[in-house]
Amino acid sequence: MKTAVRNKKRSEMARDPVCGMTVDEETAKWTSEHEGETYYFCNERCKLAFEKAPSRFIK
């Protein structure tokens, strides 16, 4: 018996730089640009913390 294989494109996953949670880049509700780089966040509070002091969270 053969199993059907889906050809579904997988979303890229990013790490929220503030809390470390995994965030789906395709469906992320909160993003921020910093020095030409896009950062993805799990919630608005993490996004706001990052925007106040991005150098604190970028390694």
PDB file of N, CA and C in Angstrom:
ATOM      1  N   MET A   1       0.841  -1.179   0.000  1.00  0.00           N
ATOM      2  CA  MET A   1       0.000   0.000   0.000  1.00  0.00           C
ATOM      3  C   MET A   1       0.887   1.244   0.000  1.00  0.00           C
ATOM      4  N   LYS A   2       0.624   2.166  -0.913  1.00  0.00           N
ATOM      5  CA  LYS A   2       1.420   3.391  -1.021  1.00  0.00           C
ATOM      6  C   LYS A   2       0.853   4.481  -0.121  1.00  0.00           C
ATOM      7  N   THR A   3       1.756   5.299   0.379  1.00  0.00           N
ATOM      8  CA  THR A   3       1.363   6.422   1.218  1.00  0.00           C
ATOM      9  C   THR A   3       1.437   7.700   0.396  1.00  0.00           C
ATOM     10  N   ALA A   4       0.422   8.517   0.455  1.00  0.00           N
ATOM     11  CA  ALA A   4       0.415   9.789  -0.279  1.00  0.00           C
ATOM     12  C   ALA A   4       1.441  10.736   0.330  1.00  0.00           C
ATOM     13  N   VAL A   5       2.140  11.459  -0.511  1.00  0.00           N
ATOM     14  CA  VAL A   5       3.133  12.425  -0.063  1.00  0.00           C
ATOM     15  C   VAL A   5       2.637  13.811  -0.421  1.00  0.00           C
ATOM     16  N   ARG A   6       2.628  14.666   0.550  1.00  0.00           N
ATOM     17  CA  ARG A   6       2.195  16.041   0.308  1.00  0.00           C
ATOM     18  C   ARG A   6       3.373  16.872  -0.184  1.00  0.00           C
ATOM     19  N   ASN A   7       3.126  17.717  -1.142  1.00  0.00           N
ATOM     20  CA  ASN A   7       4.128  18.647  -1.633  1.00  0.00           C
ATOM     21  C   ASN A   7       3.814  20.035  -1.105  1.00  0.00           C
ATOM     22  N   LYS A   8       3.749  20.144   0.174  1.00  0.00           N
ATOM     23  CA  LYS A   8       3.430  21.407   0.816  1.00  0.00           C
ATOM     24  C   LYS A   8       4.717  22.125   1.184  1.00  0.00           C
ATOM     25  N   LYS A   9       4.803  23.389   0.800  1.00  0.00           N
ATOM     26  CA  LYS A   9       5.984  24.178   1.122  1.00  0.00           C
ATOM     27  C   LYS A   9       6.037  24.409   2.626  1.00  0.00           C
ATOM     28  N   ARG A  10       7.186  24.143   3.204  1.00  0.00           N
ATOM     29  CA  ARG A  10       7.358  24.361   4.638  1.00  0.00           C
ATOM     30  C   ARG A  10       7.757  25.798   4.890  1.00  0.00           C
ATOM     31  N   SER A  11       7.214  26.374   5.922  1.00  0.00           N
ATOM     32  CA  SER A  11       7.557  27.732   6.318  1.00  0.00           C
ATOM     33  C   SER A  11       8.910  27.740   7.010  1.00  0.00           C
ATOM     34  N   GLU A  12       9.602  28.846   6.875  1.00  0.00           N
ATOM     35  CA  GLU A  12      10.854  29.021   7.590  1.00  0.00           C
ATOM     36  C   GLU A  12      10.529  29.410   9.028  1.00  0.00           C
ATOM     37  N   MET A  13      11.319  28.898   9.938  1.00  0.00           N
ATOM     38  CA  MET A  13      11.120  29.209  11.341  1.00  0.00           C
ATOM     39  C   MET A  13      12.248  30.119  11.811  1.00  0.00           C
ATOM     40  N   ALA A  14      11.890  31.070  12.634  1.00  0.00           N
ATOM     41  CA  ALA A  14      12.863  32.007  13.198  1.00  0.00           C
ATOM     42  C   ALA A  14      12.800  31.910  14.713  1.00  0.00           C
ATOM     43  N   ARG A  15      13.824  32.436  15.366  1.00  0.00           N
ATOM     44  CA  ARG A  15      13.843  32.466  16.821  1.00  0.00           C
ATOM     45  C   ARG A  15      13.599  33.897  17.272  1.00  0.00           C
ATOM     46  N   ASP A  16      12.625  34.080  18.148  1.00  0.00           N
ATOM     47  CA  ASP A  16      12.350  35.391  18.746  1.00  0.00           C
ATOM     48  C   ASP A  16      13.603  35.769  19.538  1.00  0.00           C
ATOM     49  N   PRO A  17      14.262  36.895  19.189  1.00  0.00           N
ATOM     50  CA  PRO A  17      15.514  37.245  19.864  1.00  0.00           C
ATOM     51  C   PRO A  17      15.345  37.638  21.329  1.00  0.00           C
ATOM     52  N   VAL A  18      14.133  37.935  21.749  1.00  0.00           N
ATOM     53  CA  VAL A  18      13.895  38.357  23.132  1.00  0.00           C
ATOM     54  C   VAL A  18      13.672  37.159  24.051  1.00  0.00           C
ATOM     55  N   CYS A  19      12.731  36.288  23.702  1.00  0.00           N
ATOM     56  CA  CYS A  19      12.379  35.179  24.596  1.00  0.00           C
ATOM     57  C   CYS A  19      12.876  33.819  24.119  1.00  0.00           C
ATOM     58  N   GLY A  20      13.305  33.725  22.852  1.00  0.00           N
ATOM     59  CA  GLY A  20      13.828  32.475  22.329  1.00  0.00           C
ATOM     60  C   GLY A  20      12.797  31.530  21.728  1.00  0.00           C
ATOM     61  N   MET A  21      11.528  31.908  21.719  1.00  0.00           N
ATOM     62  CA  MET A  21      10.500  31.040  21.139  1.00  0.00           C
ATOM     63  C   MET A  21      10.678  30.921  19.630  1.00  0.00           C
ATOM     64  N   THR A  22      10.222  29.819  19.068  1.00  0.00           N
ATOM     65  CA  THR A  22      10.247  29.616  17.629  1.00  0.00           C
ATOM     66  C   THR A  22       9.026  30.301  17.026  1.00  0.00           C
ATOM     67  N   VAL A  23       9.263  31.044  15.937  1.00  0.00           N
ATOM     68  CA  VAL A  23       8.202  31.807  15.281  1.00  0.00           C
ATOM     69  C   VAL A  23       8.189  31.462  13.793  1.00  0.00           C
ATOM     70  N   ASP A  24       7.022  31.194  13.249  1.00  0.00           N
ATOM     71  CA  ASP A  24       6.860  30.912  11.830  1.00  0.00           C
ATOM     72  C   ASP A  24       6.974  32.235  11.068  1.00  0.00           C
ATOM     73  N   GLU A  25       7.973  32.369  10.216  1.00  0.00           N
ATOM     74  CA  GLU A  25       8.196  33.619   9.495  1.00  0.00           C
ATOM     75  C   GLU A  25       7.023  33.977   8.583  1.00  0.00           C
ATOM     76  N   GLU A  26       6.360  32.983   8.053  1.00  0.00           N
ATOM     77  CA  GLU A  26       5.263  33.211   7.115  1.00  0.00           C
ATOM     78  C   GLU A  26       4.013  33.771   7.793  1.00  0.00           C
ATOM     79  N   THR A  27       3.778  33.406   9.037  1.00  0.00           N
ATOM     80  CA  THR A  27       2.546  33.824   9.711  1.00  0.00           C
ATOM     81  C   THR A  27       2.791  34.755  10.901  1.00  0.00           C
ATOM     82  N   ALA A  28       4.034  35.160  11.110  1.00  0.00           N
ATOM     83  CA  ALA A  28       4.356  36.018  12.255  1.00  0.00           C
ATOM     84  C   ALA A  28       3.559  37.322  12.198  1.00  0.00           C
ATOM     85  N   LYS A  29       2.933  37.650  13.292  1.00  0.00           N
ATOM     86  CA  LYS A  29       2.136  38.865  13.384  1.00  0.00           C
ATOM     87  C   LYS A  29       3.010  40.077  13.720  1.00  0.00           C
ATOM     88  N   TRP A  30       4.115  39.852  14.434  1.00  0.00           N
ATOM     89  CA  TRP A  30       4.979  40.947  14.876  1.00  0.00           C
ATOM     90  C   TRP A  30       6.374  40.789  14.291  1.00  0.00           C
ATOM     91  N   THR A  31       6.823  41.804  13.552  1.00  0.00           N
ATOM     92  CA  THR A  31       8.170  41.822  12.984  1.00  0.00           C
ATOM     93  C   THR A  31       8.770  43.200  13.193  1.00  0.00           C
ATOM     94  N   SER A  32      10.078  43.258  13.058  1.00  0.00           N
ATOM     95  CA  SER A  32      10.777  44.533  13.168  1.00  0.00           C
ATOM     96  C   SER A  32      12.013  44.480  12.288  1.00  0.00           C
ATOM     97  N   GLU A  33      12.336  45.587  11.657  1.00  0.00           N
ATOM     98  CA  GLU A  33      13.545  45.703  10.840  1.00  0.00           C
ATOM     99  C   GLU A  33      14.606  46.417  11.661  1.00  0.00           C
ATOM    100  N   HIS A  34      15.837  45.906  11.590  1.00  0.00           N
ATOM    101  CA  HIS A  34      16.960  46.551  12.270  1.00  0.00           C
ATOM    102  C   HIS A  34      18.212  46.301  11.448  1.00  0.00           C
ATOM    103  N   GLU A  35      18.860  47.366  11.002  1.00  0.00           N
ATOM    104  CA  GLU A  35      20.084  47.289  10.207  1.00  0.00           C
ATOM    105  C   GLU A  35      19.949  46.321   9.036  1.00  0.00           C
ATOM    106  N   GLY A  36      18.823  46.421   8.318  1.00  0.00           N
ATOM    107  CA  GLY A  36      18.593  45.614   7.129  1.00  0.00           C
ATOM    108  C   GLY A  36      18.182  44.179   7.376  1.00  0.00           C
ATOM    109  N   GLU A  37      17.978  43.812   8.610  1.00  0.00           N
ATOM    110  CA  GLU A  37      17.602  42.448   8.993  1.00  0.00           C
ATOM    111  C   GLU A  37      16.177  42.460   9.546  1.00  0.00           C
ATOM    112  N   THR A  38      15.392  41.431   9.208  1.00  0.00           N
ATOM    113  CA  THR A  38      14.043  41.301   9.744  1.00  0.00           C
ATOM    114  C   THR A  38      14.085  40.356  10.933  1.00  0.00           C
ATOM    115  N   TYR A  39      13.449  40.768  12.032  1.00  0.00           N
ATOM    116  CA  TYR A  39      13.348  39.952  13.239  1.00  0.00           C
ATOM    117  C   TYR A  39      11.880  39.634  13.473  1.00  0.00           C
ATOM    118  N   TYR A  40      11.619  38.435  13.969  1.00  0.00           N
ATOM    119  CA  TYR A  40      10.261  37.925  14.160  1.00  0.00           C
ATOM    120  C   TYR A  40      10.012  37.696  15.643  1.00  0.00           C
ATOM    121  N   PHE A  41       8.787  38.011  16.082  1.00  0.00           N
ATOM    122  CA  PHE A  41       8.472  37.953  17.506  1.00  0.00           C
ATOM    123  C   PHE A  41       7.188  37.174  17.757  1.00  0.00           C
ATOM    124  N   CYS A  42       7.133  36.552  18.939  1.00  0.00           N
ATOM    125  CA  CYS A  42       5.968  35.741  19.309  1.00  0.00           C
ATOM    126  C   CYS A  42       4.819  36.610  19.820  1.00  0.00           C
ATOM    127  N   ASN A  43       5.145  37.806  20.314  1.00  0.00           N
ATOM    128  CA  ASN A  43       4.087  38.701  20.797  1.00  0.00           C
ATOM    129  C   ASN A  43       4.564  40.152  20.763  1.00  0.00           C
ATOM    130  N   GLU A  44       3.648  41.051  20.967  1.00  0.00           N
ATOM    131  CA  GLU A  44       3.952  42.480  20.879  1.00  0.00           C
ATOM    132  C   GLU A  44       4.927  42.934  21.969  1.00  0.00           C
ATOM    133  N   ARG A  45       4.830  42.348  23.141  1.00  0.00           N
ATOM    134  CA  ARG A  45       5.713  42.745  24.240  1.00  0.00           C
ATOM    135  C   ARG A  45       7.180  42.473  23.898  1.00  0.00           C
ATOM    136  N   CYS A  46       7.459  41.318  23.279  1.00  0.00           N
ATOM    137  CA  CYS A  46       8.827  41.013  22.856  1.00  0.00           C
ATOM    138  C   CYS A  46       9.288  41.994  21.779  1.00  0.00           C
ATOM    139  N   LYS A  47       8.414  42.313  20.839  1.00  0.00           N
ATOM    140  CA  LYS A  47       8.745  43.267  19.771  1.00  0.00           C
ATOM    141  C   LYS A  47       9.103  44.628  20.354  1.00  0.00           C
ATOM    142  N   LEU A  48       8.318  45.116  21.289  1.00  0.00           N
ATOM    143  CA  LEU A  48       8.563  46.430  21.897  1.00  0.00           C
ATOM    144  C   LEU A  48       9.857  46.439  22.705  1.00  0.00           C
ATOM    145  N   ALA A  49      10.141  45.367  23.429  1.00  0.00           N
ATOM    146  CA  ALA A  49      11.385  45.272  24.195  1.00  0.00           C
ATOM    147  C   ALA A  49      12.584  45.322  23.251  1.00  0.00           C
ATOM    148  N   PHE A  50      12.499  44.611  22.142  1.00  0.00           N
ATOM    149  CA  PHE A  50      13.571  44.609  21.153  1.00  0.00           C
ATOM    150  C   PHE A  50      13.779  46.004  20.573  1.00  0.00           C
ATOM    151  N   GLU A  51      12.699  46.667  20.213  1.00  0.00           N
ATOM    152  CA  GLU A  51      12.806  47.982  19.591  1.00  0.00           C
ATOM    153  C   GLU A  51      13.366  49.044  20.537  1.00  0.00           C
ATOM    154  N   LYS A  52      13.203  48.853  21.828  1.00  0.00           N
ATOM    155  CA  LYS A  52      13.788  49.795  22.815  1.00  0.00           C
ATOM    156  C   LYS A  52      15.298  49.646  22.889  1.00  0.00           C
ATOM    157  N   ALA A  53      15.804  48.434  22.775  1.00  0.00           N
ATOM    158  CA  ALA A  53      17.240  48.184  22.932  1.00  0.00           C
ATOM    159  C   ALA A  53      17.671  46.974  22.098  1.00  0.00           C
ATOM    160  N   PRO A  54      17.701  47.102  20.766  1.00  0.00           N
ATOM    161  CA  PRO A  54      18.023  45.937  19.933  1.00  0.00           C
ATOM    162  C   PRO A  54      19.397  45.339  20.208  1.00  0.00           C
ATOM    163  N   SER A  55      20.368  46.156  20.521  1.00  0.00           N
ATOM    164  CA  SER A  55      21.723  45.620  20.748  1.00  0.00           C
ATOM    165  C   SER A  55      21.770  44.678  21.953  1.00  0.00           C
ATOM    166  N   ARG A  56      20.836  44.807  22.850  1.00  0.00           N
ATOM    167  CA  ARG A  56      20.751  43.913  24.001  1.00  0.00           C
ATOM    168  C   ARG A  56      20.399  42.482  23.602  1.00  0.00           C
ATOM    169  N   PHE A  57      19.680  42.341  22.498  1.00  0.00           N
ATOM    170  CA  PHE A  57      19.173  41.030  22.071  1.00  0.00           C
ATOM    171  C   PHE A  57      19.886  40.434  20.860  1.00  0.00           C
ATOM    172  N   ILE A  58      20.690  41.213  20.170  1.00  0.00           N
ATOM    173  CA  ILE A  58      21.391  40.721  18.975  1.00  0.00           C
ATOM    174  C   ILE A  58      22.785  40.269  19.404  1.00  0.00           C
ATOM    175  N   LYS A  59      23.115  39.056  18.991  1.00  0.00           N
ATOM    176  CA  LYS A  59      24.429  38.511  19.356  1.00  0.00           C
ATOM    177  C   LYS A  59      25.338  38.523  18.156  1.00  0.00           C
TER     178      LYS A  59
END
